[in-house]
Amino acid sequence: MAVILIAGNSLIVPTSLTDSVRPLTTNIALEMGYAAGVHQEMLFATGIVLFSFILILNFVLAKISARGAN
């Protein structure tokens, strides 16, 4: 929940690097309470995208660190 406060929780698309944003994890946390139907399915799809991104990032970093250890 700290991310919600720090990032600014803005629904507007940012136009510069200093604008407030709404991270995907924040979006899931705030909207899951009232989501139903397709909206809920899209929030689950967002979670799958985040999970996939983190999984790929972990694999890449593990390969890089294993290469550096040799």
PDB file of N, CA and C in Angstrom:
ATOM      1  N   MET A   1       0.806  -1.188   0.000  1.00  0.00           N
ATOM      2  CA  MET A   1       0.000   0.000   0.000  1.00  0.00           C
ATOM      3  C   MET A   1       0.854   1.259   0.000  1.00  0.00           C
ATOM      4  N   ALA A   2       2.104   1.139   0.374  1.00  0.00           N
ATOM      5  CA  ALA A   2       2.980   2.308   0.333  1.00  0.00           C
ATOM      6  C   ALA A   2       3.172   2.795  -1.095  1.00  0.00           C
ATOM      7  N   VAL A   3       3.167   1.864  -2.052  1.00  0.00           N
ATOM      8  CA  VAL A   3       3.312   2.244  -3.457  1.00  0.00           C
ATOM      9  C   VAL A   3       2.166   3.143  -3.893  1.00  0.00           C
ATOM     10  N   ILE A   4       0.974   2.895  -3.386  1.00  0.00           N
ATOM     11  CA  ILE A   4      -0.180   3.721  -3.726  1.00  0.00           C
ATOM     12  C   ILE A   4       0.074   5.169  -3.310  1.00  0.00           C
ATOM     13  N   LEU A   5       0.622   5.361  -2.137  1.00  0.00           N
ATOM     14  CA  LEU A   5       0.863   6.708  -1.636  1.00  0.00           C
ATOM     15  C   LEU A   5       2.034   7.388  -2.325  1.00  0.00           C
ATOM     16  N   ILE A   6       3.084   6.647  -2.587  1.00  0.00           N
ATOM     17  CA  ILE A   6       4.298   7.238  -3.149  1.00  0.00           C
ATOM     18  C   ILE A   6       4.146   7.573  -4.628  1.00  0.00           C
ATOM     19  N   ALA A   7       3.511   6.695  -5.395  1.00  0.00           N
ATOM     20  CA  ALA A   7       3.430   6.882  -6.843  1.00  0.00           C
ATOM     21  C   ALA A   7       2.430   7.959  -7.241  1.00  0.00           C
ATOM     22  N   GLY A   8       1.508   8.299  -6.392  1.00  0.00           N
ATOM     23  CA  GLY A   8       0.585   9.374  -6.691  1.00  0.00           C
ATOM     24  C   GLY A   8      -0.817   8.930  -7.017  1.00  0.00           C
ATOM     25  N   ASN A   9      -1.014   7.679  -7.413  1.00  0.00           N
ATOM     26  CA  ASN A   9      -2.326   7.113  -7.686  1.00  0.00           C
ATOM     27  C   ASN A   9      -3.145   7.948  -8.665  1.00  0.00           C
ATOM     28  N   SER A  10      -2.562   8.295  -9.781  1.00  0.00           N
ATOM     29  CA  SER A  10      -3.222   9.118 -10.784  1.00  0.00           C
ATOM     30  C   SER A  10      -3.763   8.241 -11.906  1.00  0.00           C
ATOM     31  N   LEU A  11      -4.990   8.501 -12.313  1.00  0.00           N
ATOM     32  CA  LEU A  11      -5.591   7.751 -13.408  1.00  0.00           C
ATOM     33  C   LEU A  11      -5.267   8.348 -14.774  1.00  0.00           C
ATOM     34  N   ILE A  12      -4.661   9.511 -14.797  1.00  0.00           N
ATOM     35  CA  ILE A  12      -4.326  10.198 -16.038  1.00  0.00           C
ATOM     36  C   ILE A  12      -3.002   9.651 -16.563  1.00  0.00           C
ATOM     37  N   VAL A  13      -2.913   9.470 -17.878  1.00  0.00           N
ATOM     38  CA  VAL A  13      -1.680   8.991 -18.496  1.00  0.00           C
ATOM     39  C   VAL A  13      -0.605  10.060 -18.329  1.00  0.00           C
ATOM     40  N   PRO A  14       0.569   9.697 -17.765  1.00  0.00           N
ATOM     41  CA  PRO A  14       1.611  10.698 -17.534  1.00  0.00           C
ATOM     42  C   PRO A  14       2.201  11.198 -18.845  1.00  0.00           C
ATOM     43  N   THR A  15       2.546  12.479 -18.877  1.00  0.00           N
ATOM     44  CA  THR A  15       3.161  13.067 -20.068  1.00  0.00           C
ATOM     45  C   THR A  15       4.623  13.414 -19.853  1.00  0.00           C
ATOM     46  N   SER A  16       5.090  13.368 -18.596  1.00  0.00           N
ATOM     47  CA  SER A  16       6.504  13.600 -18.319  1.00  0.00           C
ATOM     48  C   SER A  16       6.947  12.659 -17.198  1.00  0.00           C
ATOM     49  N   LEU A  17       8.243  12.624 -16.959  1.00  0.00           N
ATOM     50  CA  LEU A  17       8.785  11.711 -15.950  1.00  0.00           C
ATOM     51  C   LEU A  17       8.412  12.108 -14.531  1.00  0.00           C
ATOM     52  N   THR A  18       8.018  13.347 -14.315  1.00  0.00           N
ATOM     53  CA  THR A  18       7.695  13.797 -12.966  1.00  0.00           C
ATOM     54  C   THR A  18       6.202  13.728 -12.649  1.00  0.00           C
ATOM     55  N   ASP A  19       5.369  13.304 -13.591  1.00  0.00           N
ATOM     56  CA  ASP A  19       3.931  13.183 -13.351  1.00  0.00           C
ATOM     57  C   ASP A  19       3.625  11.985 -12.465  1.00  0.00           C
ATOM     58  N   SER A  20       2.497  12.046 -11.775  1.00  0.00           N
ATOM     59  CA  SER A  20       2.042  10.921 -10.966  1.00  0.00           C
ATOM     60  C   SER A  20       1.641   9.761 -11.872  1.00  0.00           C
ATOM     61  N   VAL A  21       1.792   8.552 -11.367  1.00  0.00           N
ATOM     62  CA  VAL A  21       1.434   7.353 -12.131  1.00  0.00           C
ATOM     63  C   VAL A  21       0.598   6.426 -11.252  1.00  0.00           C
ATOM     64  N   ARG A  22       0.028   5.410 -11.871  1.00  0.00           N
ATOM     65  CA  ARG A  22      -0.686   4.377 -11.139  1.00  0.00           C
ATOM     66  C   ARG A  22      -0.119   3.023 -11.589  1.00  0.00           C
ATOM     67  N   PRO A  23       0.774   2.445 -10.778  1.00  0.00           N
ATOM     68  CA  PRO A  23       1.378   1.162 -11.143  1.00  0.00           C
ATOM     69  C   PRO A  23       0.322   0.057 -11.267  1.00  0.00           C
ATOM     70  N   LEU A  24       0.647  -0.962 -12.026  1.00  0.00           N
ATOM     71  CA  LEU A  24      -0.294  -2.061 -12.248  1.00  0.00           C
ATOM     72  C   LEU A  24      -0.668  -2.761 -10.951  1.00  0.00           C
ATOM     73  N   THR A  25       0.284  -2.919 -10.041  1.00  0.00           N
ATOM     74  CA  THR A  25      -0.029  -3.569  -8.772  1.00  0.00           C
ATOM     75  C   THR A  25      -1.016  -2.735  -7.960  1.00  0.00           C
ATOM     76  N   THR A  26      -0.864  -1.429  -8.007  1.00  0.00           N
ATOM     77  CA  THR A  26      -1.798  -0.538  -7.321  1.00  0.00           C
ATOM     78  C   THR A  26      -3.176  -0.641  -7.934  1.00  0.00           C
ATOM     79  N   ASN A  27      -3.221  -0.693  -9.253  1.00  0.00           N
ATOM     80  CA  ASN A  27      -4.492  -0.813  -9.950  1.00  0.00           C
ATOM     81  C   ASN A  27      -5.229  -2.084  -9.531  1.00  0.00           C
ATOM     82  N   ILE A  28      -4.515  -3.181  -9.437  1.00  0.00           N
ATOM     83  CA  ILE A  28      -5.123  -4.446  -9.021  1.00  0.00           C
ATOM     84  C   ILE A  28      -5.635  -4.332  -7.584  1.00  0.00           C
ATOM     85  N   ALA A  29      -4.803  -3.790  -6.697  1.00  0.00           N
ATOM     86  CA  ALA A  29      -5.174  -3.700  -5.277  1.00  0.00           C
ATOM     87  C   ALA A  29      -6.395  -2.823  -5.054  1.00  0.00           C
ATOM     88  N   LEU A  30      -6.484  -1.719  -5.769  1.00  0.00           N
ATOM     89  CA  LEU A  30      -7.594  -0.792  -5.555  1.00  0.00           C
ATOM     90  C   LEU A  30      -8.895  -1.244  -6.208  1.00  0.00           C
ATOM     91  N   GLU A  31      -8.820  -1.892  -7.345  1.00  0.00           N
ATOM     92  CA  GLU A  31     -10.031  -2.200  -8.097  1.00  0.00           C
ATOM     93  C   GLU A  31     -10.589  -3.602  -7.880  1.00  0.00           C
ATOM     94  N   MET A  32      -9.832  -4.501  -7.269  1.00  0.00           N
ATOM     95  CA  MET A  32     -10.307  -5.874  -7.120  1.00  0.00           C
ATOM     96  C   MET A  32     -11.514  -5.961  -6.190  1.00  0.00           C
ATOM     97  N   GLY A  33     -11.661  -5.029  -5.274  1.00  0.00           N
ATOM     98  CA  GLY A  33     -12.769  -5.063  -4.323  1.00  0.00           C
ATOM     99  C   GLY A  33     -14.140  -4.939  -4.968  1.00  0.00           C
ATOM    100  N   TYR A  34     -14.247  -4.219  -6.055  1.00  0.00           N
ATOM    101  CA  TYR A  34     -15.546  -4.012  -6.689  1.00  0.00           C
ATOM    102  C   TYR A  34     -15.620  -4.550  -8.107  1.00  0.00           C
ATOM    103  N   ALA A  35     -14.570  -5.209  -8.583  1.00  0.00           N
ATOM    104  CA  ALA A  35     -14.546  -5.712  -9.950  1.00  0.00           C
ATOM    105  C   ALA A  35     -15.443  -6.941 -10.097  1.00  0.00           C
ATOM    106  N   ALA A  36     -16.070  -7.055 -11.252  1.00  0.00           N
ATOM    107  CA  ALA A  36     -16.897  -8.217 -11.563  1.00  0.00           C
ATOM    108  C   ALA A  36     -16.852  -8.458 -13.068  1.00  0.00           C
ATOM    109  N   GLY A  37     -17.026  -9.693 -13.446  1.00  0.00           N
ATOM    110  CA  GLY A  37     -17.102 -10.034 -14.865  1.00  0.00           C
ATOM    111  C   GLY A  37     -15.800  -9.791 -15.598  1.00  0.00           C
ATOM    112  N   VAL A  38     -15.895  -9.099 -16.722  1.00  0.00           N
ATOM    113  CA  VAL A  38     -14.738  -8.851 -17.581  1.00  0.00           C
ATOM    114  C   VAL A  38     -13.702  -7.984 -16.866  1.00  0.00           C
ATOM    115  N   HIS A  39     -14.164  -7.054 -16.063  1.00  0.00           N
ATOM    116  CA  HIS A  39     -13.238  -6.199 -15.312  1.00  0.00           C
ATOM    117  C   HIS A  39     -12.344  -7.041 -14.407  1.00  0.00           C
ATOM    118  N   GLN A  40     -12.933  -8.002 -13.713  1.00  0.00           N
ATOM    119  CA  GLN A  40     -12.157  -8.881 -12.838  1.00  0.00           C
ATOM    120  C   GLN A  40     -11.202  -9.752 -13.652  1.00  0.00           C
ATOM    121  N   GLU A  41     -11.649 -10.222 -14.795  1.00  0.00           N
ATOM    122  CA  GLU A  41     -10.785 -11.028 -15.664  1.00  0.00           C
ATOM    123  C   GLU A  41      -9.581 -10.227 -16.146  1.00  0.00           C
ATOM    124  N   MET A  42      -9.795  -8.952 -16.455  1.00  0.00           N
ATOM    125  CA  MET A  42      -8.690  -8.103 -16.894  1.00  0.00           C
ATOM    126  C   MET A  42      -7.701  -7.837 -15.767  1.00  0.00           C
ATOM    127  N   LEU A  43      -8.190  -7.735 -14.540  1.00  0.00           N
ATOM    128  CA  LEU A  43      -7.284  -7.569 -13.408  1.00  0.00           C
ATOM    129  C   LEU A  43      -6.450  -8.831 -13.186  1.00  0.00           C
ATOM    130  N   PHE A  44      -7.047  -9.996 -13.365  1.00  0.00           N
ATOM    131  CA  PHE A  44      -6.288 -11.249 -13.274  1.00  0.00           C
ATOM    132  C   PHE A  44      -5.263 -11.342 -14.404  1.00  0.00           C
ATOM    133  N   ALA A  45      -5.637 -10.899 -15.596  1.00  0.00           N
ATOM    134  CA  ALA A  45      -4.701 -10.895 -16.721  1.00  0.00           C
ATOM    135  C   ALA A  45      -3.529  -9.953 -16.441  1.00  0.00           C
ATOM    136  N   THR A  46      -3.804  -8.834 -15.810  1.00  0.00           N
ATOM    137  CA  THR A  46      -2.744  -7.911 -15.420  1.00  0.00           C
ATOM    138  C   THR A  46      -1.789  -8.586 -14.442  1.00  0.00           C
ATOM    139  N   GLY A  47      -2.335  -9.342 -13.506  1.00  0.00           N
ATOM    140  CA  GLY A  47      -1.498 -10.089 -12.566  1.00  0.00           C
ATOM    141  C   GLY A  47      -0.625 -11.119 -13.255  1.00  0.00           C
ATOM    142  N   ILE A  48      -1.162 -11.777 -14.260  1.00  0.00           N
ATOM    143  CA  ILE A  48      -0.378 -12.762 -15.018  1.00  0.00           C
ATOM    144  C   ILE A  48       0.745 -12.087 -15.788  1.00  0.00           C
ATOM    145  N   VAL A  49       0.469 -10.924 -16.362  1.00  0.00           N
ATOM    146  CA  VAL A  49       1.506 -10.169 -17.070  1.00  0.00           C
ATOM    147  C   VAL A  49       2.614  -9.759 -16.103  1.00  0.00           C
ATOM    148  N   LEU A  50       2.251  -9.269 -14.933  1.00  0.00           N
ATOM    149  CA  LEU A  50       3.255  -8.889 -13.939  1.00  0.00           C
ATOM    150  C   LEU A  50       4.074 -10.094 -13.481  1.00  0.00           C
ATOM    151  N   PHE A  51       3.406 -11.211 -13.235  1.00  0.00           N
ATOM    152  CA  PHE A  51       4.104 -12.427 -12.821  1.00  0.00           C
ATOM    153  C   PHE A  51       5.080 -12.882 -13.904  1.00  0.00           C
ATOM    154  N   SER A  52       4.638 -12.868 -15.155  1.00  0.00           N
ATOM    155  CA  SER A  52       5.496 -13.286 -16.271  1.00  0.00           C
ATOM    156  C   SER A  52       6.711 -12.377 -16.393  1.00  0.00           C
ATOM    157  N   PHE A  53       6.499 -11.076 -16.288  1.00  0.00           N
ATOM    158  CA  PHE A  53       7.600 -10.126 -16.376  1.00  0.00           C
ATOM    159  C   PHE A  53       8.622 -10.371 -15.268  1.00  0.00           C
ATOM    160  N   ILE A  54       8.174 -10.578 -14.049  1.00  0.00           N
ATOM    161  CA  ILE A  54       9.086 -10.816 -12.931  1.00  0.00           C
ATOM    162  C   ILE A  54       9.809 -12.146 -13.097  1.00  0.00           C
ATOM    163  N   LEU A  55       9.108 -13.166 -13.585  1.00  0.00           N
ATOM    164  CA  LEU A  55       9.736 -14.467 -13.815  1.00  0.00           C
ATOM    165  C   LEU A  55      10.845 -14.366 -14.853  1.00  0.00           C
ATOM    166  N   ILE A  56      10.576 -13.690 -15.965  1.00  0.00           N
ATOM    167  CA  ILE A  56      11.590 -13.518 -17.011  1.00  0.00           C
ATOM    168  C   ILE A  56      12.770 -12.707 -16.480  1.00  0.00           C
ATOM    169  N   LEU A  57      12.480 -11.652 -15.743  1.00  0.00           N
ATOM    170  CA  LEU A  57      13.541 -10.831 -15.171  1.00  0.00           C
ATOM    171  C   LEU A  57      14.414 -11.642 -14.220  1.00  0.00           C
ATOM    172  N   ASN A  58      13.817 -12.504 -13.411  1.00  0.00           N
ATOM    173  CA  ASN A  58      14.590 -13.357 -12.500  1.00  0.00           C
ATOM    174  C   ASN A  58      15.467 -14.340 -13.253  1.00  0.00           C
ATOM    175  N   PHE A  59      14.939 -14.931 -14.329  1.00  0.00           N
ATOM    176  CA  PHE A  59      15.746 -15.858 -15.124  1.00  0.00           C
ATOM    177  C   PHE A  59      16.933 -15.149 -15.765  1.00  0.00           C
ATOM    178  N   VAL A  60      16.708 -13.984 -16.314  1.00  0.00           N
ATOM    179  CA  VAL A  60      17.786 -13.229 -16.954  1.00  0.00           C
ATOM    180  C   VAL A  60      18.845 -12.848 -15.933  1.00  0.00           C
ATOM    181  N   LEU A  61      18.440 -12.341 -14.786  1.00  0.00           N
ATOM    182  CA  LEU A  61      19.404 -11.958 -13.770  1.00  0.00           C
ATOM    183  C   LEU A  61      20.150 -13.164 -13.192  1.00  0.00           C
ATOM    184  N   ALA A  62      19.488 -14.303 -13.092  1.00  0.00           N
ATOM    185  CA  ALA A  62      20.165 -15.522 -12.624  1.00  0.00           C
ATOM    186  C   ALA A  62      21.223 -15.956 -13.626  1.00  0.00           C
ATOM    187  N   LYS A  63      20.921 -15.856 -14.912  1.00  0.00           N
ATOM    188  CA  LYS A  63      21.910 -16.210 -15.937  1.00  0.00           C
ATOM    189  C   LYS A  63      23.086 -15.257 -15.911  1.00  0.00           C
ATOM    190  N   ILE A  64      22.818 -13.970 -15.738  1.00  0.00           N
ATOM    191  CA  ILE A  64      23.889 -12.979 -15.693  1.00  0.00           C
ATOM    192  C   ILE A  64      24.780 -13.202 -14.476  1.00  0.00           C
ATOM    193  N   SER A  65      24.164 -13.463 -13.317  1.00  0.00           N
ATOM    194  CA  SER A  65      24.980 -13.674 -12.114  1.00  0.00           C
ATOM    195  C   SER A  65      25.744 -14.991 -12.177  1.00  0.00           C
ATOM    196  N   ALA A  66      25.178 -16.020 -12.812  1.00  0.00           N
ATOM    197  CA  ALA A  66      25.889 -17.297 -12.959  1.00  0.00           C
ATOM    198  C   ALA A  66      27.072 -17.136 -13.907  1.00  0.00           C
ATOM    199  N   ARG A  67      26.904 -16.337 -14.920  1.00  0.00           N
ATOM    200  CA  ARG A  67      28.009 -16.103 -15.861  1.00  0.00           C
ATOM    201  C   ARG A  67      29.122 -15.328 -15.184  1.00  0.00           C
ATOM    202  N   GLY A  68      28.757 -14.395 -14.309  1.00  0.00           N
ATOM    203  CA  GLY A  68      29.773 -13.602 -13.607  1.00  0.00           C
ATOM    204  C   GLY A  68      30.504 -14.395 -12.532  1.00  0.00           C
ATOM    205  N   ALA A  69      29.889 -15.469 -12.021  1.00  0.00           N
ATOM    206  CA  ALA A  69      30.518 -16.267 -10.965  1.00  0.00           C
ATOM    207  C   ALA A  69      31.603 -17.190 -11.511  1.00  0.00           C
ATOM    208  N   ASN A  70      31.579 -17.478 -12.786  1.00  0.00           N
ATOM    209  CA  ASN A  70      32.577 -18.392 -13.382  1.00  0.00           C
ATOM    210  C   ASN A  70      33.880 -17.745 -13.623  1.00  0.00           C
TER     211      ASN A  70
END
